[in-house]
PDB file of N, CA and C in Angstrom:
ATOM      1  N   MET A   1      17.996 -11.496 -68.870  1.00  0.00           N
ATOM      2  CA  MET A   1      18.799 -10.587 -67.991  1.00  0.00           C
ATOM      3  C   MET A   1      17.441 -10.078 -67.402  1.00  0.00           C
ATOM      4  N   ASP A   2      16.486  -9.778 -68.179  1.00  0.00           N
ATOM      5  CA  ASP A   2      15.092  -9.178 -67.725  1.00  0.00           C
ATOM      6  C   ASP A   2      14.519 -10.175 -66.770  1.00  0.00           C
ATOM      7  N   VAL A   3      14.739 -11.564 -66.700  1.00  0.00           N
ATOM      8  CA  VAL A   3      13.946 -12.165 -66.121  1.00  0.00           C
ATOM      9  C   VAL A   3      15.178 -12.135 -64.567  1.00  0.00           C
ATOM     10  N   ALA A   4      15.675 -12.039 -64.354  1.00  0.00           N
ATOM     11  CA  ALA A   4      16.848 -11.904 -62.989  1.00  0.00           C
ATOM     12  C   ALA A   4      16.559 -10.840 -62.681  1.00  0.00           C
ATOM     13  N   ILE A   5      16.017  -9.698 -63.076  1.00  0.00           N
ATOM     14  CA  ILE A   5      15.641  -8.660 -62.571  1.00  0.00           C
ATOM     15  C   ILE A   5      14.412  -8.546 -61.889  1.00  0.00           C
ATOM     16  N   VAL A   6      13.624  -9.510 -62.715  1.00  0.00           N
ATOM     17  CA  VAL A   6      12.211  -9.815 -62.566  1.00  0.00           C
ATOM     18  C   VAL A   6      11.971 -10.680 -60.872  1.00  0.00           C
ATOM     19  N   ILE A   7      13.108 -11.451 -61.112  1.00  0.00           N
ATOM     20  CA  ILE A   7      13.585 -12.658 -59.676  1.00  0.00           C
ATOM     21  C   ILE A   7      13.943 -11.418 -58.491  1.00  0.00           C
ATOM     22  N   ALA A   8      15.079 -10.752 -59.064  1.00  0.00           N
ATOM     23  CA  ALA A   8      15.438 -10.055 -57.814  1.00  0.00           C
ATOM     24  C   ALA A   8      14.311  -9.313 -57.290  1.00  0.00           C
ATOM     25  N   TRP A   9      13.150  -8.634 -57.843  1.00  0.00           N
ATOM     26  CA  TRP A   9      12.306  -7.484 -57.311  1.00  0.00           C
ATOM     27  C   TRP A   9      11.254  -8.310 -56.587  1.00  0.00           C
ATOM     28  N   TRP A  10      10.791  -9.561 -57.351  1.00  0.00           N
ATOM     29  CA  TRP A  10      10.341 -10.594 -56.179  1.00  0.00           C
ATOM     30  C   TRP A  10      10.887 -10.880 -54.949  1.00  0.00           C
ATOM     31  N   ILE A  11      11.866 -11.311 -54.998  1.00  0.00           N
ATOM     32  CA  ILE A  11      12.518 -11.628 -53.734  1.00  0.00           C
ATOM     33  C   ILE A  11      12.567 -10.626 -52.765  1.00  0.00           C
ATOM     34  N   ALA A  12      13.024  -9.124 -53.937  1.00  0.00           N
ATOM     35  CA  ALA A  12      12.928  -8.300 -52.531  1.00  0.00           C
ATOM     36  C   ALA A  12      11.622  -7.874 -51.957  1.00  0.00           C
ATOM     37  N   LEU A  13      10.608  -7.660 -53.014  1.00  0.00           N
ATOM     38  CA  LEU A  13       8.858  -7.480 -52.500  1.00  0.00           C
ATOM     39  C   LEU A  13       8.529  -8.731 -51.241  1.00  0.00           C
ATOM     40  N   LEU A  14       9.278 -10.171 -51.547  1.00  0.00           N
ATOM     41  CA  LEU A  14       8.896 -10.786 -50.278  1.00  0.00           C
ATOM     42  C   LEU A  14       9.827 -10.740 -49.140  1.00  0.00           C
ATOM     43  N   GLY A  15      10.778  -9.854 -49.509  1.00  0.00           N
ATOM     44  CA  GLY A  15      11.193  -9.639 -48.108  1.00  0.00           C
ATOM     45  C   GLY A  15      10.739  -8.651 -47.359  1.00  0.00           C
ATOM     46  N   ALA A  16      10.550  -7.610 -48.398  1.00  0.00           N
ATOM     47  CA  ALA A  16      10.201  -6.472 -47.651  1.00  0.00           C
ATOM     48  C   ALA A  16       8.388  -6.799 -47.051  1.00  0.00           C
ATOM     49  N   LEU A  17       7.740  -7.563 -47.631  1.00  0.00           N
ATOM     50  CA  LEU A  17       6.477  -8.211 -47.037  1.00  0.00           C
ATOM     51  C   LEU A  17       6.569  -8.896 -45.828  1.00  0.00           C
ATOM     52  N   VAL A  18       7.626  -9.557 -46.006  1.00  0.00           N
ATOM     53  CA  VAL A  18       8.362 -10.277 -44.473  1.00  0.00           C
ATOM     54  C   VAL A  18       8.446  -9.390 -43.201  1.00  0.00           C
ATOM     55  N   LEU A  19       9.344  -8.287 -43.615  1.00  0.00           N
ATOM     56  CA  LEU A  19       9.613  -7.720 -42.849  1.00  0.00           C
ATOM     57  C   LEU A  19       8.606  -6.576 -42.241  1.00  0.00           C
ATOM     58  N   THR A  20       7.598  -6.242 -43.144  1.00  0.00           N
ATOM     59  CA  THR A  20       6.381  -5.474 -43.015  1.00  0.00           C
ATOM     60  C   THR A  20       5.135  -6.358 -41.858  1.00  0.00           C
ATOM     61  N   ALA A  21       5.200  -7.578 -42.630  1.00  0.00           N
ATOM     62  CA  ALA A  21       4.461  -8.512 -41.168  1.00  0.00           C
ATOM     63  C   ALA A  21       4.950  -8.670 -39.729  1.00  0.00           C
ATOM     64  N   ILE A  22       6.323  -8.341 -40.000  1.00  0.00           N
ATOM     65  CA  ILE A  22       7.131  -8.712 -38.680  1.00  0.00           C
ATOM     66  C   ILE A  22       6.738  -7.549 -37.918  1.00  0.00           C
ATOM     67  N   ALA A  23       7.137  -6.435 -38.627  1.00  0.00           N
ATOM     68  CA  ALA A  23       6.839  -5.185 -38.080  1.00  0.00           C
ATOM     69  C   ALA A  23       5.360  -4.304 -37.664  1.00  0.00           C
ATOM     70  N   VAL A  24       4.489  -5.345 -38.526  1.00  0.00           N
ATOM     71  CA  VAL A  24       3.273  -5.118 -37.600  1.00  0.00           C
ATOM     72  C   VAL A  24       2.649  -5.748 -36.427  1.00  0.00           C
ATOM     73  N   LEU A  25       2.926  -7.057 -36.414  1.00  0.00           N
ATOM     74  CA  LEU A  25       3.151  -8.087 -35.379  1.00  0.00           C
ATOM     75  C   LEU A  25       3.636  -7.127 -34.100  1.00  0.00           C
ATOM     76  N   GLU A  26       5.153  -6.462 -34.387  1.00  0.00           N
ATOM     77  CA  GLU A  26       5.369  -6.044 -33.151  1.00  0.00           C
ATOM     78  C   GLU A  26       4.594  -4.360 -32.868  1.00  0.00           C
ATOM     79  N   ILE A  27       4.301  -3.845 -33.852  1.00  0.00           N
ATOM     80  CA  ILE A  27       3.225  -2.941 -33.178  1.00  0.00           C
ATOM     81  C   ILE A  27       2.216  -3.303 -32.582  1.00  0.00           C
ATOM     82  N   VAL A  28       1.389  -4.167 -33.160  1.00  0.00           N
ATOM     83  CA  VAL A  28       0.343  -4.822 -32.379  1.00  0.00           C
ATOM     84  C   VAL A  28       0.572  -5.301 -30.781  1.00  0.00           C
ATOM     85  N   ARG A  29       1.839  -5.718 -30.634  1.00  0.00           N
ATOM     86  CA  ARG A  29       2.103  -6.566 -29.399  1.00  0.00           C
ATOM     87  C   ARG A  29       2.168  -5.203 -28.411  1.00  0.00           C
ATOM     88  N   VAL A  30       3.334  -4.237 -28.996  1.00  0.00           N
ATOM     89  CA  VAL A  30       3.046  -2.843 -28.206  1.00  0.00           C
ATOM     90  C   VAL A  30       1.876  -2.240 -27.951  1.00  0.00           C
ATOM     91  N   VAL A  31       1.109  -1.964 -29.006  1.00  0.00           N
ATOM     92  CA  VAL A  31      -0.398  -1.167 -28.630  1.00  0.00           C
ATOM     93  C   VAL A  31      -0.874  -2.333 -27.579  1.00  0.00           C
ATOM     94  N   HIS A  32      -0.891  -3.683 -27.404  1.00  0.00           N
ATOM     95  CA  HIS A  32      -1.892  -4.356 -26.945  1.00  0.00           C
ATOM     96  C   HIS A  32      -1.458  -3.986 -25.259  1.00  0.00           C
ATOM     97  N   HIS A  33      -0.235  -4.268 -25.212  1.00  0.00           N
ATOM     98  CA  HIS A  33       0.777  -3.764 -23.867  1.00  0.00           C
ATOM     99  C   HIS A  33       0.429  -2.490 -23.560  1.00  0.00           C
ATOM    100  N   ALA A  34       0.477  -1.737 -24.185  1.00  0.00           N
ATOM    101  CA  ALA A  34       0.243  -0.152 -23.694  1.00  0.00           C
ATOM    102  C   ALA A  34      -1.359   0.172 -23.101  1.00  0.00           C
ATOM    103  N   ARG A  35      -2.234  -0.869 -23.870  1.00  0.00           N
ATOM    104  CA  ARG A  35      -3.517  -0.968 -23.588  1.00  0.00           C
ATOM    105  C   ARG A  35      -3.762  -1.518 -22.049  1.00  0.00           C
ATOM    106  N   GLU A  36      -2.932  -2.361 -22.153  1.00  0.00           N
ATOM    107  CA  GLU A  36      -2.544  -2.955 -20.672  1.00  0.00           C
ATOM    108  C   GLU A  36      -2.389  -2.519 -19.687  1.00  0.00           C
ATOM    109  N   ILE A  37      -1.507  -1.596 -20.023  1.00  0.00           N
ATOM    110  CA  ILE A  37      -0.644  -0.376 -18.683  1.00  0.00           C
ATOM    111  C   ILE A  37      -1.529   0.164 -18.717  1.00  0.00           C
ATOM    112  N   ASP A  38      -2.714   0.819 -19.356  1.00  0.00           N
ATOM    113  CA  ASP A  38      -3.562   2.073 -19.186  1.00  0.00           C
ATOM    114  C   ASP A  38      -4.805   1.163 -18.590  1.00  0.00           C
ATOM    115  N   ARG A  39      -5.215  -0.163 -18.843  1.00  0.00           N
ATOM    116  CA  ARG A  39      -6.034   0.019 -17.574  1.00  0.00           C
ATOM    117  C   ARG A  39      -5.626  -0.805 -16.572  1.00  0.00           C
ATOM    118  N   LEU A  40      -4.499  -1.165 -16.084  1.00  0.00           N
ATOM    119  CA  LEU A  40      -3.689  -1.163 -14.809  1.00  0.00           C
ATOM    120  C   LEU A  40      -3.563   0.106 -13.983  1.00  0.00           C
ATOM    121  N   ALA A  41      -2.914   0.798 -14.726  1.00  0.00           N
ATOM    122  CA  ALA A  41      -3.049   2.423 -14.106  1.00  0.00           C
ATOM    123  C   ALA A  41      -4.028   2.941 -13.670  1.00  0.00           C
ATOM    124  N   LYS A  42      -5.232   2.661 -14.422  1.00  0.00           N
ATOM    125  CA  LYS A  42      -6.687   3.250 -14.200  1.00  0.00           C
ATOM    126  C   LYS A  42      -6.919   2.460 -13.068  1.00  0.00           C
ATOM    127  N   VAL A  43      -7.192   1.288 -12.427  1.00  0.00           N
ATOM    128  CA  VAL A  43      -7.158   0.287 -11.190  1.00  0.00           C
ATOM    129  C   VAL A  43      -6.352   1.058 -10.317  1.00  0.00           C
ATOM    130  N   ALA A  44      -4.922   1.271 -10.441  1.00  0.00           N
ATOM    131  CA  ALA A  44      -3.815   1.576  -9.236  1.00  0.00           C
ATOM    132  C   ALA A  44      -4.417   3.064  -9.098  1.00  0.00           C
ATOM    133  N   LEU A  45      -4.937   4.113  -9.566  1.00  0.00           N
ATOM    134  CA  LEU A  45      -5.143   5.144  -9.586  1.00  0.00           C
ATOM    135  C   LEU A  45      -5.674   5.387  -8.143  1.00  0.00           C
ATOM    136  N   PRO A  46      -7.183   4.515  -8.262  1.00  0.00           N
ATOM    137  CA  PRO A  46      -7.685   5.029  -6.675  1.00  0.00           C
ATOM    138  C   PRO A  46      -7.083   4.336  -5.675  1.00  0.00           C
ATOM    139  N   ALA A  47      -6.507   3.461  -5.757  1.00  0.00           N
ATOM    140  CA  ALA A  47      -5.567   3.109  -4.426  1.00  0.00           C
ATOM    141  C   ALA A  47      -4.773   3.836  -3.990  1.00  0.00           C
ATOM    142  N   ALA A  48      -3.919   4.369  -5.419  1.00  0.00           N
ATOM    143  CA  ALA A  48      -2.675   5.290  -4.967  1.00  0.00           C
ATOM    144  C   ALA A  48      -3.206   6.313  -4.131  1.00  0.00           C
ATOM    145  N   VAL A  49      -4.401   7.124  -4.820  1.00  0.00           N
ATOM    146  CA  VAL A  49      -5.231   8.107  -4.058  1.00  0.00           C
ATOM    147  C   VAL A  49      -5.782   7.820  -2.733  1.00  0.00           C
ATOM    148  N   GLY A  50      -6.124   6.719  -2.173  1.00  0.00           N
ATOM    149  CA  GLY A  50      -6.364   6.345  -0.809  1.00  0.00           C
ATOM    150  C   GLY A  50      -4.995   6.388  -0.010  1.00  0.00           C
ATOM    151  N   ILE A  51      -4.135   5.615  -0.487  1.00  0.00           N
ATOM    152  CA  ILE A  51      -3.009   5.386   0.107  1.00  0.00           C
ATOM    153  C   ILE A  51      -2.463   6.923   0.716  1.00  0.00           C
ATOM    154  N   VAL A  52      -2.269   7.731  -0.621  1.00  0.00           N
ATOM    155  CA  VAL A  52      -1.827   9.018   0.055  1.00  0.00           C
ATOM    156  C   VAL A  52      -2.863   9.859   1.268  1.00  0.00           C
ATOM    157  N   GLU A  53      -4.207   9.812   1.148  1.00  0.00           N
ATOM    158  CA  GLU A  53      -5.102  10.256   2.304  1.00  0.00           C
ATOM    159  C   GLU A  53      -5.037   9.467   3.279  1.00  0.00           C
ATOM    160  N   ASN A  54      -4.412   7.981   3.242  1.00  0.00           N
ATOM    161  CA  ASN A  54      -4.396   7.731   4.439  1.00  0.00           C
ATOM    162  C   ASN A  54      -2.900   7.860   5.214  1.00  0.00           C
ATOM    163  N   THR A  55      -2.197   8.195   4.579  1.00  0.00           N
ATOM    164  CA  THR A  55      -1.112   8.572   5.269  1.00  0.00           C
ATOM    165  C   THR A  55      -0.622   9.510   5.178  1.00  0.00           C
ATOM    166  N   ALA A  56      -1.558  10.860   5.025  1.00  0.00           N
ATOM    167  CA  ALA A  56      -1.229  12.161   5.420  1.00  0.00           C
ATOM    168  C   ALA A  56      -1.586  12.486   6.631  1.00  0.00           C
ATOM    169  N   ILE A  57      -1.614  11.495   7.673  1.00  0.00           N
ATOM    170  CA  ILE A  57      -2.129  12.115   8.790  1.00  0.00           C
ATOM    171  C   ILE A  57      -0.492  11.877   9.668  1.00  0.00           C
ATOM    172  N   ILE A  58      -0.144  11.059   8.863  1.00  0.00           N
ATOM    173  CA  ILE A  58       1.765  10.350   9.653  1.00  0.00           C
ATOM    174  C   ILE A  58       2.148  11.904  10.094  1.00  0.00           C
ATOM    175  N   ALA A  59       2.192  12.924   9.228  1.00  0.00           N
ATOM    176  CA  ALA A  59       3.105  14.086   9.481  1.00  0.00           C
ATOM    177  C   ALA A  59       2.443  14.645  10.874  1.00  0.00           C
ATOM    178  N   ALA A  60       1.100  14.426  11.249  1.00  0.00           N
ATOM    179  CA  ALA A  60       0.804  14.935  12.388  1.00  0.00           C
ATOM    180  C   ALA A  60       0.993  14.124  13.382  1.00  0.00           C
ATOM    181  N   LEU A  61       1.226  12.736  13.715  1.00  0.00           N
ATOM    182  CA  LEU A  61       1.645  11.934  14.607  1.00  0.00           C
ATOM    183  C   LEU A  61       2.747  12.526  15.921  1.00  0.00           C
ATOM    184  N   GLU A  62       3.772  13.424  14.903  1.00  0.00           N
ATOM    185  CA  GLU A  62       4.860  14.441  15.538  1.00  0.00           C
ATOM    186  C   GLU A  62       4.130  15.070  16.869  1.00  0.00           C
ATOM    187  N   GLY A  63       3.030  15.575  16.680  1.00  0.00           N
ATOM    188  CA  GLY A  63       2.443  16.438  17.580  1.00  0.00           C
ATOM    189  C   GLY A  63       1.732  15.978  18.459  1.00  0.00           C
ATOM    190  N   VAL A  64       1.665  14.198  18.412  1.00  0.00           N
ATOM    191  CA  VAL A  64       0.616  13.407  19.253  1.00  0.00           C
ATOM    192  C   VAL A  64       2.074  12.870  20.180  1.00  0.00           C
ATOM    193  N   VAL A  65       3.390  12.799  19.835  1.00  0.00           N
ATOM    194  CA  VAL A  65       4.240  12.073  21.201  1.00  0.00           C
ATOM    195  C   VAL A  65       4.251  12.905  22.477  1.00  0.00           C
ATOM    196  N   PRO A  66       4.272  13.954  22.321  1.00  0.00           N
ATOM    197  CA  PRO A  66       4.418  14.562  23.922  1.00  0.00           C
ATOM    198  C   PRO A  66       3.018  13.915  24.320  1.00  0.00           C
ATOM    199  N   VAL A  67       1.702  13.949  23.997  1.00  0.00           N
ATOM    200  CA  VAL A  67       0.497  14.053  24.738  1.00  0.00           C
ATOM    201  C   VAL A  67       0.644  12.396  25.250  1.00  0.00           C
ATOM    202  N   VAL A  68       1.309  11.699  24.450  1.00  0.00           N
ATOM    203  CA  VAL A  68       1.437  10.151  24.513  1.00  0.00           C
ATOM    204  C   VAL A  68       2.092  10.117  26.025  1.00  0.00           C
ATOM    205  N   GLY A  69       3.126  10.754  25.662  1.00  0.00           N
ATOM    206  CA  GLY A  69       4.425  10.726  27.191  1.00  0.00           C
ATOM    207  C   GLY A  69       3.258  11.340  28.424  1.00  0.00           C
ATOM    208  N   ARG A  70       2.556  12.290  27.884  1.00  0.00           N
ATOM    209  CA  ARG A  70       1.918  12.631  29.485  1.00  0.00           C
ATOM    210  C   ARG A  70       0.800  11.416  29.636  1.00  0.00           C
ATOM    211  N   LEU A  71       0.283  11.014  28.765  1.00  0.00           N
ATOM    212  CA  LEU A  71      -0.874   9.968  28.843  1.00  0.00           C
ATOM    213  C   LEU A  71      -0.616   8.705  29.678  1.00  0.00           C
ATOM    214  N   ALA A  72       0.907   8.662  29.297  1.00  0.00           N
ATOM    215  CA  ALA A  72       1.378   7.076  30.228  1.00  0.00           C
ATOM    216  C   ALA A  72       1.960   7.555  31.238  1.00  0.00           C
ATOM    217  N   ALA A  73       2.419   8.806  31.513  1.00  0.00           N
ATOM    218  CA  ALA A  73       2.539   8.906  32.891  1.00  0.00           C
ATOM    219  C   ALA A  73       1.189   8.918  34.072  1.00  0.00           C
ATOM    220  N   GLY A  74      -0.252   9.870  32.976  1.00  0.00           N
ATOM    221  CA  GLY A  74      -1.208   9.732  33.859  1.00  0.00           C
ATOM    222  C   GLY A  74      -1.594   8.299  34.251  1.00  0.00           C
ATOM    223  N   ALA A  75      -1.576   7.454  33.400  1.00  0.00           N
ATOM    224  CA  ALA A  75      -1.966   5.929  33.324  1.00  0.00           C
ATOM    225  C   ALA A  75      -1.223   5.462  34.327  1.00  0.00           C
ATOM    226  N   GLY A  76       0.000   5.881  34.752  1.00  0.00           N
ATOM    227  CA  GLY A  76       0.892   5.239  35.885  1.00  0.00           C
ATOM    228  C   GLY A  76       0.168   5.930  37.133  1.00  0.00           C
ATOM    229  N   ALA A  77       0.147   7.397  37.148  1.00  0.00           N
ATOM    230  CA  ALA A  77      -0.516   7.591  38.074  1.00  0.00           C
ATOM    231  C   ALA A  77      -1.882   6.929  38.786  1.00  0.00           C
ATOM    232  N   LEU A  78      -2.708   6.786  37.609  1.00  0.00           N
ATOM    233  CA  LEU A  78      -4.045   6.076  38.082  1.00  0.00           C
ATOM    234  C   LEU A  78      -3.658   4.632  38.431  1.00  0.00           C
ATOM    235  N   ALA A  79      -3.051   3.862  37.969  1.00  0.00           N
ATOM    236  CA  ALA A  79      -2.512   2.789  38.488  1.00  0.00           C
ATOM    237  C   ALA A  79      -1.778   2.231  39.497  1.00  0.00           C
ATOM    238  N   ALA A  80      -1.067   3.421  40.285  1.00  0.00           N
ATOM    239  CA  ALA A  80      -1.128   3.467  41.602  1.00  0.00           C
ATOM    240  C   ALA A  80      -1.926   3.700  42.582  1.00  0.00           C
ATOM    241  N   THR A  81      -2.600   4.659  41.716  1.00  0.00           N
ATOM    242  CA  THR A  81      -4.011   4.895  42.781  1.00  0.00           C
ATOM    243  C   THR A  81      -4.807   3.988  43.171  1.00  0.00           C
ATOM    244  N   SER A  82      -4.870   3.257  41.817  1.00  0.00           N
ATOM    245  CA  SER A  82      -6.133   2.382  41.846  1.00  0.00           C
ATOM    246  C   SER A  82      -5.731   1.244  42.986  1.00  0.00           C
ATOM    247  N   ALA A  83      -4.131   0.715  42.952  1.00  0.00           N
ATOM    248  CA  ALA A  83      -3.897  -0.452  43.397  1.00  0.00           C
ATOM    249  C   ALA A  83      -3.785   0.108  44.686  1.00  0.00           C
ATOM    250  N   SER A  84      -3.547   1.446  45.627  1.00  0.00           N
ATOM    251  CA  SER A  84      -3.346   1.773  46.736  1.00  0.00           C
ATOM    252  C   SER A  84      -5.465   1.785  47.045  1.00  0.00           C
ATOM    253  N   ILE A  85      -6.112   2.165  46.062  1.00  0.00           N
ATOM    254  CA  ILE A  85      -7.413   1.911  46.668  1.00  0.00           C
ATOM    255  C   ILE A  85      -7.733   0.199  47.051  1.00  0.00           C
ATOM    256  N   ALA A  86      -7.068  -0.380  46.155  1.00  0.00           N
ATOM    257  CA  ALA A  86      -7.587  -2.067  46.500  1.00  0.00           C
ATOM    258  C   ALA A  86      -7.141  -2.453  47.710  1.00  0.00           C
ATOM    259  N   ARG A  87      -5.785  -1.662  47.961  1.00  0.00           N
ATOM    260  CA  ARG A  87      -5.007  -2.405  49.158  1.00  0.00           C
ATOM    261  C   ARG A  87      -5.792  -1.747  50.580  1.00  0.00           C
ATOM    262  N   ARG A  88      -6.233  -0.797  50.701  1.00  0.00           N
ATOM    263  CA  ARG A  88      -7.509   0.086  51.682  1.00  0.00           C
ATOM    264  C   ARG A  88      -8.547  -0.831  51.677  1.00  0.00           C
ATOM    265  N   VAL A  89      -9.475  -1.040  50.525  1.00  0.00           N
ATOM    266  CA  VAL A  89     -10.491  -1.692  50.363  1.00  0.00           C
ATOM    267  C   VAL A  89     -10.556  -3.463  50.902  1.00  0.00           C
ATOM    268  N   ALA A  90      -8.962  -3.870  50.434  1.00  0.00           N
ATOM    269  CA  ALA A  90      -9.129  -4.801  51.351  1.00  0.00           C
ATOM    270  C   ALA A  90      -8.393  -4.914  53.000  1.00  0.00           C
ATOM    271  N   ALA A  91      -8.232  -3.809  53.563  1.00  0.00           N
ATOM    272  CA  ALA A  91      -7.792  -3.594  54.497  1.00  0.00           C
ATOM    273  C   ALA A  91      -9.060  -3.686  55.279  1.00  0.00           C
ATOM    274  N   VAL A  92     -10.030  -2.843  54.694  1.00  0.00           N
ATOM    275  CA  VAL A  92     -11.686  -2.068  55.318  1.00  0.00           C
ATOM    276  C   VAL A  92     -12.284  -4.012  55.519  1.00  0.00           C
ATOM    277  N   ARG A  93     -12.037  -4.744  54.375  1.00  0.00           N
ATOM    278  CA  ARG A  93     -12.818  -5.916  54.398  1.00  0.00           C
ATOM    279  C   ARG A  93     -12.287  -6.780  55.535  1.00  0.00           C
ATOM    280  N   ARG A  94     -10.835  -6.932  55.437  1.00  0.00           N
ATOM    281  CA  ARG A  94     -10.498  -7.549  56.672  1.00  0.00           C
ATOM    282  C   ARG A  94     -10.601  -7.691  58.027  1.00  0.00           C
ATOM    283  N   ALA A  95     -10.624  -6.106  58.136  1.00  0.00           N
ATOM    284  CA  ALA A  95     -11.147  -5.195  59.119  1.00  0.00           C
ATOM    285  C   ALA A  95     -12.883  -5.857  59.808  1.00  0.00           C
ATOM    286  N   LEU A  96     -13.908  -5.760  58.752  1.00  0.00           N
ATOM    287  CA  LEU A  96     -15.041  -6.273  58.996  1.00  0.00           C
ATOM    288  C   LEU A  96     -15.226  -7.387  59.181  1.00  0.00           C
ATOM    289  N   ALA A  97     -14.249  -8.183  58.336  1.00  0.00           N
ATOM    290  CA  ALA A  97     -14.762  -9.868  58.548  1.00  0.00           C
ATOM    291  C   ALA A  97     -13.872 -10.148  59.767  1.00  0.00           C
ATOM    292  N   GLY A  98     -12.718  -9.405  60.232  1.00  0.00           N
ATOM    293  CA  GLY A  98     -12.675  -9.686  61.617  1.00  0.00           C
ATOM    294  C   GLY A  98     -13.302  -9.185  62.912  1.00  0.00           C
ATOM    295  N   GLY A  99     -14.336  -8.097  62.756  1.00  0.00           N
ATOM    296  CA  GLY A  99     -14.971  -7.542  63.863  1.00  0.00           C
ATOM    297  C   GLY A  99     -16.313  -9.107  63.856  1.00  0.00           C
ATOM    298  N   ARG A 100     -16.608  -9.367  62.762  1.00  0.00           N
ATOM    299  CA  ARG A 100     -18.200 -10.163  62.882  1.00  0.00           C
ATOM    300  C   ARG A 100     -17.768 -11.685  63.555  1.00  0.00           C
ATOM    301  N   ALA A 101     -16.635 -12.097  63.358  1.00  0.00           N
ATOM    302  CA  ALA A 101     -15.757 -13.410  63.640  1.00  0.00           C
ATOM    303  C   ALA A 101     -15.539 -13.642  64.954  1.00  0.00           C
TER     304      ALA A 101
END
């Protein structure tokens, strides 16, 4: 009877050892992955700060929309005026070329 108890005890100890080894391996993997996550978070943090700083100006763009409309209207007026000047210069050139011929 004592031999059966010792054998059962050794089997229980070996089972506990195997389960402990598996648990330790899982804990090591979890710690490794946690360190990797921490490393990647430290790398990503400056990029995230840069994104926040670069996109903060987007809110100010709402005030630019009316100005852009006025600029577009001004550019159209400049284009029309430039075309008128070009036509007048061409007419003067033709008139001067006709006077010499």
